């Protein structure tokens, strides 16, 4: 498995704490999404208390997911036996 090295955030970047984000449930869906993005600034990198949350995604093939599902199922079965 190959891991990609992530660069550090610039010192001037202040991450928003998701606990401080508040979006009215009365707004239509599209406006709620826009309001969330406006407040959180970067939905892929934010704070939650003292933790920094960074989301990233890898492109996987259907074959990968079938293999991963079989391996996960096998691991679960083995752990239940032990």
PDB file of N, CA and C in Angstrom:
ATOM      1  N   UNK A   1       0.841  -1.173   0.000  1.00  0.00           N
ATOM      2  CA  UNK A   1       0.000   0.000   0.000  1.00  0.00           C
ATOM      3  C   UNK A   1       0.885   1.236   0.000  1.00  0.00           C
ATOM      4  N   UNK A   2       0.552   2.167  -0.870  1.00  0.00           N
ATOM      5  CA  UNK A   2       1.353   3.373  -1.012  1.00  0.00           C
ATOM      6  C   UNK A   2       0.635   4.531  -0.328  1.00  0.00           C
ATOM      7  N   UNK A   3       1.362   5.276   0.490  1.00  0.00           N
ATOM      8  CA  UNK A   3       0.779   6.431   1.164  1.00  0.00           C
ATOM      9  C   UNK A   3       1.358   7.698   0.571  1.00  0.00           C
ATOM     10  N   UNK A   4       0.499   8.668   0.346  1.00  0.00           N
ATOM     11  CA  UNK A   4       0.927   9.940  -0.204  1.00  0.00           C
ATOM     12  C   UNK A   4       1.204  10.901   0.939  1.00  0.00           C
ATOM     13  N   UNK A   5       2.337  11.545   0.883  1.00  0.00           N
ATOM     14  CA  UNK A   5       2.704  12.499   1.922  1.00  0.00           C
ATOM     15  C   UNK A   5       1.887  13.768   1.737  1.00  0.00           C
ATOM     16  N   UNK A   6       1.250  14.230   2.809  1.00  0.00           N
ATOM     17  CA  UNK A   6       0.439  15.435   2.734  1.00  0.00           C
ATOM     18  C   UNK A   6       1.221  16.620   3.255  1.00  0.00           C
ATOM     19  N   UNK A   7       1.049  17.744   2.577  1.00  0.00           N
ATOM     20  CA  UNK A   7       1.745  18.951   3.020  1.00  0.00           C
ATOM     21  C   UNK A   7       1.000  19.549   4.206  1.00  0.00           C
ATOM     22  N   UNK A   8       1.742  20.242   5.048  1.00  0.00           N
ATOM     23  CA  UNK A   8       1.149  20.888   6.216  1.00  0.00           C
ATOM     24  C   UNK A   8       0.355  22.108   5.772  1.00  0.00           C
ATOM     25  N   UNK A   9      -0.657  22.433   6.544  1.00  0.00           N
ATOM     26  CA  UNK A   9      -1.452  23.625   6.263  1.00  0.00           C
ATOM     27  C   UNK A   9      -0.610  24.868   6.522  1.00  0.00           C
ATOM     28  N   UNK A  10      -0.787  25.909   5.711  1.00  0.00           N
ATOM     29  CA  UNK A  10      -0.060  27.154   5.974  1.00  0.00           C
ATOM     30  C   UNK A  10      -0.423  27.697   7.353  1.00  0.00           C
ATOM     31  N   UNK A  11       0.529  28.344   8.006  1.00  0.00           N
ATOM     32  CA  UNK A  11       0.312  28.860   9.351  1.00  0.00           C
ATOM     33  C   UNK A  11      -0.830  29.868   9.396  1.00  0.00           C
ATOM     34  N   UNK A  12      -1.081  30.572   8.284  1.00  0.00           N
ATOM     35  CA  UNK A  12      -2.135  31.585   8.260  1.00  0.00           C
ATOM     36  C   UNK A  12      -3.529  30.972   8.144  1.00  0.00           C
ATOM     37  N   UNK A  13      -3.617  29.681   7.830  1.00  0.00           N
ATOM     38  CA  UNK A  13      -4.911  29.027   7.689  1.00  0.00           C
ATOM     39  C   UNK A  13      -5.493  28.719   9.062  1.00  0.00           C
ATOM     40  N   UNK A  14      -6.660  29.270   9.324  1.00  0.00           N
ATOM     41  CA  UNK A  14      -7.348  28.988  10.575  1.00  0.00           C
ATOM     42  C   UNK A  14      -8.499  28.051  10.253  1.00  0.00           C
ATOM     43  N   UNK A  15      -8.457  26.862  10.845  1.00  0.00           N
ATOM     44  CA  UNK A  15      -9.485  25.876  10.579  1.00  0.00           C
ATOM     45  C   UNK A  15     -10.721  26.162  11.418  1.00  0.00           C
ATOM     46  N   UNK A  16     -11.872  25.948  10.828  1.00  0.00           N
ATOM     47  CA  UNK A  16     -13.147  26.169  11.503  1.00  0.00           C
ATOM     48  C   UNK A  16     -13.497  24.919  12.311  1.00  0.00           C
ATOM     49  N   UNK A  17     -13.986  25.132  13.518  1.00  0.00           N
ATOM     50  CA  UNK A  17     -14.450  24.011  14.339  1.00  0.00           C
ATOM     51  C   UNK A  17     -15.886  23.692  13.919  1.00  0.00           C
ATOM     52  N   UNK A  18     -16.109  22.467  13.485  1.00  0.00           N
ATOM     53  CA  UNK A  18     -17.421  22.070  12.969  1.00  0.00           C
ATOM     54  C   UNK A  18     -18.513  22.216  14.030  1.00  0.00           C
ATOM     55  N   UNK A  19     -18.121  22.205  15.290  1.00  0.00           N
ATOM     56  CA  UNK A  19     -19.105  22.373  16.365  1.00  0.00           C
ATOM     57  C   UNK A  19     -19.680  23.784  16.394  1.00  0.00           C
ATOM     58  N   UNK A  20     -18.980  24.728  15.749  1.00  0.00           N
ATOM     59  CA  UNK A  20     -19.451  26.114  15.693  1.00  0.00           C
ATOM     60  C   UNK A  20     -20.311  26.394  14.466  1.00  0.00           C
ATOM     61  N   UNK A  21     -20.449  25.428  13.587  1.00  0.00           N
ATOM     62  CA  UNK A  21     -21.237  25.601  12.371  1.00  0.00           C
ATOM     63  C   UNK A  21     -22.702  25.327  12.695  1.00  0.00           C
ATOM     64  N   UNK A  22     -23.553  26.238  12.272  1.00  0.00           N
ATOM     65  CA  UNK A  22     -24.984  26.088  12.512  1.00  0.00           C
ATOM     66  C   UNK A  22     -25.741  26.469  11.248  1.00  0.00           C
ATOM     67  N   UNK A  23     -26.550  25.541  10.750  1.00  0.00           N
ATOM     68  CA  UNK A  23     -27.306  25.765   9.521  1.00  0.00           C
ATOM     69  C   UNK A  23     -28.784  25.531   9.823  1.00  0.00           C
ATOM     70  N   UNK A  24     -29.602  26.464   9.421  1.00  0.00           N
ATOM     71  CA  UNK A  24     -31.042  26.364   9.655  1.00  0.00           C
ATOM     72  C   UNK A  24     -31.650  25.216   8.855  1.00  0.00           C
ATOM     73  N   UNK A  25     -32.435  24.404   9.527  1.00  0.00           N
ATOM     74  CA  UNK A  25     -33.117  23.291   8.858  1.00  0.00           C
ATOM     75  C   UNK A  25     -34.291  23.785   8.021  1.00  0.00           C
ATOM     76  N   UNK A  26     -34.640  25.047   8.199  1.00  0.00           N
ATOM     77  CA  UNK A  26     -35.751  25.639   7.446  1.00  0.00           C
ATOM     78  C   UNK A  26     -35.354  25.977   6.006  1.00  0.00           C
ATOM     79  N   UNK A  27     -34.057  26.097   5.747  1.00  0.00           N
ATOM     80  CA  UNK A  27     -33.590  26.446   4.402  1.00  0.00           C
ATOM     81  C   UNK A  27     -33.782  25.280   3.447  1.00  0.00           C
ATOM     82  N   UNK A  28     -33.971  25.581   2.154  1.00  0.00           N
ATOM     83  CA  UNK A  28     -34.007  24.508   1.160  1.00  0.00           C
ATOM     84  C   UNK A  28     -32.646  23.796   1.120  1.00  0.00           C
ATOM     85  N   UNK A  29     -32.628  22.576   0.649  1.00  0.00           N
ATOM     86  CA  UNK A  29     -31.425  21.724   0.645  1.00  0.00           C
ATOM     87  C   UNK A  29     -30.210  22.436   0.054  1.00  0.00           C
ATOM     88  N   UNK A  30     -30.369  23.033  -1.126  1.00  0.00           N
ATOM     89  CA  UNK A  30     -29.238  23.680  -1.797  1.00  0.00           C
ATOM     90  C   UNK A  30     -28.676  24.829  -0.962  1.00  0.00           C
ATOM     91  N   UNK A  31     -29.558  25.576  -0.316  1.00  0.00           N
ATOM     92  CA  UNK A  31     -29.104  26.692   0.517  1.00  0.00           C
ATOM     93  C   UNK A  31     -28.431  26.191   1.795  1.00  0.00           C
ATOM     94  N   UNK A  32     -28.914  25.078   2.354  1.00  0.00           N
ATOM     95  CA  UNK A  32     -28.250  24.494   3.531  1.00  0.00           C
ATOM     96  C   UNK A  32     -26.836  24.068   3.179  1.00  0.00           C
ATOM     97  N   UNK A  33     -26.678  23.450   2.026  1.00  0.00           N
ATOM     98  CA  UNK A  33     -25.342  23.024   1.580  1.00  0.00           C
ATOM     99  C   UNK A  33     -24.444  24.244   1.407  1.00  0.00           C
ATOM    100  N   UNK A  34     -24.946  25.261   0.721  1.00  0.00           N
ATOM    101  CA  UNK A  34     -24.161  26.485   0.499  1.00  0.00           C
ATOM    102  C   UNK A  34     -23.772  27.144   1.814  1.00  0.00           C
ATOM    103  N   UNK A  35     -24.703  27.190   2.746  1.00  0.00           N
ATOM    104  CA  UNK A  35     -24.438  27.813   4.047  1.00  0.00           C
ATOM    105  C   UNK A  35     -23.397  27.012   4.828  1.00  0.00           C
ATOM    106  N   UNK A  36     -23.488  25.689   4.783  1.00  0.00           N
ATOM    107  CA  UNK A  36     -22.497  24.850   5.457  1.00  0.00           C
ATOM    108  C   UNK A  36     -21.101  25.110   4.884  1.00  0.00           C
ATOM    109  N   UNK A  37     -20.995  25.114   3.562  1.00  0.00           N
ATOM    110  CA  UNK A  37     -19.698  25.349   2.901  1.00  0.00           C
ATOM    111  C   UNK A  37     -19.186  26.746   3.244  1.00  0.00           C
ATOM    112  N   UNK A  38     -20.070  27.742   3.248  1.00  0.00           N
ATOM    113  CA  UNK A  38     -19.657  29.108   3.572  1.00  0.00           C
ATOM    114  C   UNK A  38     -19.064  29.164   4.977  1.00  0.00           C
ATOM    115  N   UNK A  39     -19.678  28.481   5.919  1.00  0.00           N
ATOM    116  CA  UNK A  39     -19.212  28.537   7.302  1.00  0.00           C
ATOM    117  C   UNK A  39     -17.986  27.667   7.554  1.00  0.00           C
ATOM    118  N   UNK A  40     -17.949  26.468   6.993  1.00  0.00           N
ATOM    119  CA  UNK A  40     -16.856  25.533   7.300  1.00  0.00           C
ATOM    120  C   UNK A  40     -15.597  25.884   6.494  1.00  0.00           C
ATOM    121  N   UNK A  41     -15.745  26.634   5.435  1.00  0.00           N
ATOM    122  CA  UNK A  41     -14.656  27.057   4.542  1.00  0.00           C
ATOM    123  C   UNK A  41     -14.110  25.896   3.709  1.00  0.00           C
ATOM    124  N   UNK A  42     -13.605  24.865   4.351  1.00  0.00           N
ATOM    125  CA  UNK A  42     -13.024  23.716   3.641  1.00  0.00           C
ATOM    126  C   UNK A  42     -13.607  22.426   4.228  1.00  0.00           C
ATOM    127  N   UNK A  43     -14.576  21.817   3.535  1.00  0.00           N
ATOM    128  CA  UNK A  43     -15.210  20.610   4.092  1.00  0.00           C
ATOM    129  C   UNK A  43     -14.276  19.405   4.146  1.00  0.00           C
ATOM    130  N   UNK A  44     -13.107  19.522   3.569  1.00  0.00           N
ATOM    131  CA  UNK A  44     -12.135  18.426   3.591  1.00  0.00           C
ATOM    132  C   UNK A  44     -11.076  18.608   4.678  1.00  0.00           C
ATOM    133  N   UNK A  45     -11.090  19.748   5.356  1.00  0.00           N
ATOM    134  CA  UNK A  45     -10.118  19.998   6.420  1.00  0.00           C
ATOM    135  C   UNK A  45     -10.717  20.991   7.402  1.00  0.00           C
ATOM    136  N   UNK A  46     -11.013  20.504   8.606  1.00  0.00           N
ATOM    137  CA  UNK A  46     -11.632  21.342   9.620  1.00  0.00           C
ATOM    138  C   UNK A  46     -11.279  20.789  10.995  1.00  0.00           C
ATOM    139  N   UNK A  47     -11.681  21.484  12.026  1.00  0.00           N
ATOM    140  CA  UNK A  47     -11.443  21.043  13.406  1.00  0.00           C
ATOM    141  C   UNK A  47     -12.723  20.454  13.978  1.00  0.00           C
ATOM    142  N   UNK A  48     -12.539  19.572  14.941  1.00  0.00           N
ATOM    143  CA  UNK A  48     -13.629  19.083  15.781  1.00  0.00           C
ATOM    144  C   UNK A  48     -13.020  18.999  17.173  1.00  0.00           C
ATOM    145  N   UNK A  49     -13.195  20.091  17.930  1.00  0.00           N
ATOM    146  CA  UNK A  49     -12.533  20.179  19.225  1.00  0.00           C
ATOM    147  C   UNK A  49     -11.035  20.288  19.027  1.00  0.00           C
ATOM    148  N   UNK A  50     -10.294  19.433  19.709  1.00  0.00           N
ATOM    149  CA  UNK A  50      -8.833  19.487  19.591  1.00  0.00           C
ATOM    150  C   UNK A  50      -8.301  18.643  18.432  1.00  0.00           C
ATOM    151  N   UNK A  51      -9.208  18.022  17.663  1.00  0.00           N
ATOM    152  CA  UNK A  51      -8.798  17.166  16.547  1.00  0.00           C
ATOM    153  C   UNK A  51      -8.924  17.890  15.218  1.00  0.00           C
ATOM    154  N   UNK A  52      -7.978  17.646  14.337  1.00  0.00           N
ATOM    155  CA  UNK A  52      -8.049  18.132  12.968  1.00  0.00           C
ATOM    156  C   UNK A  52      -8.540  16.985  12.100  1.00  0.00           C
ATOM    157  N   UNK A  53      -9.566  17.260  11.302  1.00  0.00           N
ATOM    158  CA  UNK A  53     -10.146  16.255  10.413  1.00  0.00           C
ATOM    159  C   UNK A  53      -9.724  16.587   8.994  1.00  0.00           C
ATOM    160  N   UNK A  54      -9.087  15.642   8.330  1.00  0.00           N
ATOM    161  CA  UNK A  54      -8.689  15.800   6.926  1.00  0.00           C
ATOM    162  C   UNK A  54      -9.237  14.626   6.140  1.00  0.00           C
ATOM    163  N   UNK A  55     -10.116  14.907   5.213  1.00  0.00           N
ATOM    164  CA  UNK A  55     -10.714  13.854   4.391  1.00  0.00           C
ATOM    165  C   UNK A  55     -10.034  13.817   3.030  1.00  0.00           C
ATOM    166  N   UNK A  56      -9.784  12.607   2.557  1.00  0.00           N
ATOM    167  CA  UNK A  56      -9.244  12.436   1.207  1.00  0.00           C
ATOM    168  C   UNK A  56      -9.792  11.130   0.662  1.00  0.00           C
ATOM    169  N   UNK A  57      -9.802  11.017  -0.629  1.00  0.00           N
ATOM    170  CA  UNK A  57     -10.395   9.866  -1.282  1.00  0.00           C
ATOM    171  C   UNK A  57      -9.453   9.323  -2.338  1.00  0.00           C
ATOM    172  N   UNK A  58      -9.448   8.018  -2.490  1.00  0.00           N
ATOM    173  CA  UNK A  58      -8.679   7.362  -3.531  1.00  0.00           C
ATOM    174  C   UNK A  58      -9.635   6.770  -4.545  1.00  0.00           C
ATOM    175  N   UNK A  59      -9.229   6.781  -5.780  1.00  0.00           N
ATOM    176  CA  UNK A  59     -10.041   6.156  -6.815  1.00  0.00           C
ATOM    177  C   UNK A  59      -9.777   4.658  -6.759  1.00  0.00           C
ATOM    178  N   UNK A  60     -10.816   3.890  -6.611  1.00  0.00           N
ATOM    179  CA  UNK A  60     -10.696   2.431  -6.549  1.00  0.00           C
ATOM    180  C   UNK A  60     -11.548   1.798  -7.633  1.00  0.00           C
ATOM    181  N   UNK A  61     -11.118   0.671  -8.115  1.00  0.00           N
ATOM    182  CA  UNK A  61     -11.882  -0.049  -9.130  1.00  0.00           C
ATOM    183  C   UNK A  61     -12.908  -0.939  -8.457  1.00  0.00           C
ATOM    184  N   UNK A  62     -13.876  -1.390  -9.224  1.00  0.00           N
ATOM    185  CA  UNK A  62     -14.887  -2.312  -8.698  1.00  0.00           C
ATOM    186  C   UNK A  62     -14.214  -3.591  -8.213  1.00  0.00           C
ATOM    187  N   UNK A  63     -13.182  -4.043  -8.910  1.00  0.00           N
ATOM    188  CA  UNK A  63     -12.465  -5.253  -8.507  1.00  0.00           C
ATOM    189  C   UNK A  63     -11.845  -5.065  -7.125  1.00  0.00           C
ATOM    190  N   UNK A  64     -11.294  -3.905  -6.865  1.00  0.00           N
ATOM    191  CA  UNK A  64     -10.705  -3.638  -5.552  1.00  0.00           C
ATOM    192  C   UNK A  64     -11.754  -3.794  -4.457  1.00  0.00           C
ATOM    193  N   UNK A  65     -12.941  -3.202  -4.664  1.00  0.00           N
ATOM    194  CA  UNK A  65     -13.980  -3.262  -3.633  1.00  0.00           C
ATOM    195  C   UNK A  65     -14.473  -4.680  -3.418  1.00  0.00           C
ATOM    196  N   UNK A  66     -14.568  -5.479  -4.489  1.00  0.00           N
ATOM    197  CA  UNK A  66     -14.980  -6.881  -4.322  1.00  0.00           C
ATOM    198  C   UNK A  66     -13.941  -7.625  -3.498  1.00  0.00           C
ATOM    199  N   UNK A  67     -12.669  -7.405  -3.801  1.00  0.00           N
ATOM    200  CA  UNK A  67     -11.589  -8.067  -3.067  1.00  0.00           C
ATOM    201  C   UNK A  67     -11.572  -7.594  -1.612  1.00  0.00           C
ATOM    202  N   UNK A  68     -11.690  -6.292  -1.396  1.00  0.00           N
ATOM    203  CA  UNK A  68     -11.674  -5.742  -0.038  1.00  0.00           C
ATOM    204  C   UNK A  68     -12.848  -6.280   0.767  1.00  0.00           C
ATOM    205  N   UNK A  69     -14.007  -6.409   0.146  1.00  0.00           N
ATOM    206  CA  UNK A  69     -15.180  -6.926   0.856  1.00  0.00           C
ATOM    207  C   UNK A  69     -14.972  -8.373   1.261  1.00  0.00           C
ATOM    208  N   UNK A  70     -14.405  -9.183   0.371  1.00  0.00           N
ATOM    209  CA  UNK A  70     -14.140 -10.589   0.701  1.00  0.00           C
ATOM    210  C   UNK A  70     -13.135 -10.692   1.835  1.00  0.00           C
ATOM    211  N   UNK A  71     -12.077  -9.870   1.778  1.00  0.00           N
ATOM    212  CA  UNK A  71     -11.060  -9.904   2.831  1.00  0.00           C
ATOM    213  C   UNK A  71     -11.654  -9.461   4.162  1.00  0.00           C
ATOM    214  N   UNK A  72     -12.470  -8.417   4.144  1.00  0.00           N
ATOM    215  CA  UNK A  72     -13.090  -7.929   5.370  1.00  0.00           C
ATOM    216  C   UNK A  72     -14.013  -8.996   5.952  1.00  0.00           C
ATOM    217  N   UNK A  73     -14.786  -9.641   5.109  1.00  0.00           N
ATOM    218  CA  UNK A  73     -15.690 -10.693   5.562  1.00  0.00           C
ATOM    219  C   UNK A  73     -14.896 -11.837   6.183  1.00  0.00           C
ATOM    220  N   UNK A  74     -13.796 -12.226   5.533  1.00  0.00           N
ATOM    221  CA  UNK A  74     -12.961 -13.315   6.049  1.00  0.00           C
ATOM    222  C   UNK A  74     -12.352 -12.929   7.406  1.00  0.00           C
ATOM    223  N   UNK A  75     -11.884 -11.688   7.540  1.00  0.00           N
ATOM    224  CA  UNK A  75     -11.321 -11.228   8.809  1.00  0.00           C
ATOM    225  C   UNK A  75     -12.370 -11.245   9.923  1.00  0.00           C
ATOM    226  N   UNK A  76     -13.588 -10.859   9.609  1.00  0.00           N
ATOM    227  CA  UNK A  76     -14.661 -10.871  10.607  1.00  0.00           C
ATOM    228  C   UNK A  76     -14.967 -12.289  11.049  1.00  0.00           C
ATOM    229  N   UNK A  77     -14.998 -13.220  10.111  1.00  0.00           N
ATOM    230  CA  UNK A  77     -15.293 -14.616  10.447  1.00  0.00           C
ATOM    231  C   UNK A  77     -14.181 -15.202  11.338  1.00  0.00           C
ATOM    232  N   UNK A  78     -12.944 -14.882  11.015  1.00  0.00           N
ATOM    233  CA  UNK A  78     -11.815 -15.395  11.802  1.00  0.00           C
ATOM    234  C   UNK A  78     -11.851 -14.818  13.211  1.00  0.00           C
ATOM    235  N   UNK A  79     -12.129 -13.499  13.337  1.00  0.00           N
ATOM    236  CA  UNK A  79     -12.139 -12.868  14.658  1.00  0.00           C
ATOM    237  C   UNK A  79     -13.275 -13.404  15.527  1.00  0.00           C
ATOM    238  N   UNK A  80     -14.391 -13.803  14.936  1.00  0.00           N
ATOM    239  CA  UNK A  80     -15.492 -14.358  15.711  1.00  0.00           C
ATOM    240  C   UNK A  80     -15.167 -15.743  16.254  1.00  0.00           C
ATOM    241  N   UNK A  81     -14.308 -16.473  15.540  1.00  0.00           N
ATOM    242  CA  UNK A  81     -13.928 -17.814  15.987  1.00  0.00           C
ATOM    243  C   UNK A  81     -13.005 -17.761  17.192  1.00  0.00           C
ATOM    244  N   UNK A  82     -12.134 -16.732  17.202  1.00  0.00           N
ATOM    245  CA  UNK A  82     -11.100 -16.618  18.234  1.00  0.00           C
ATOM    246  C   UNK A  82     -11.628 -16.151  19.509  1.00  0.00           C
TER     247      UNK A  82
END
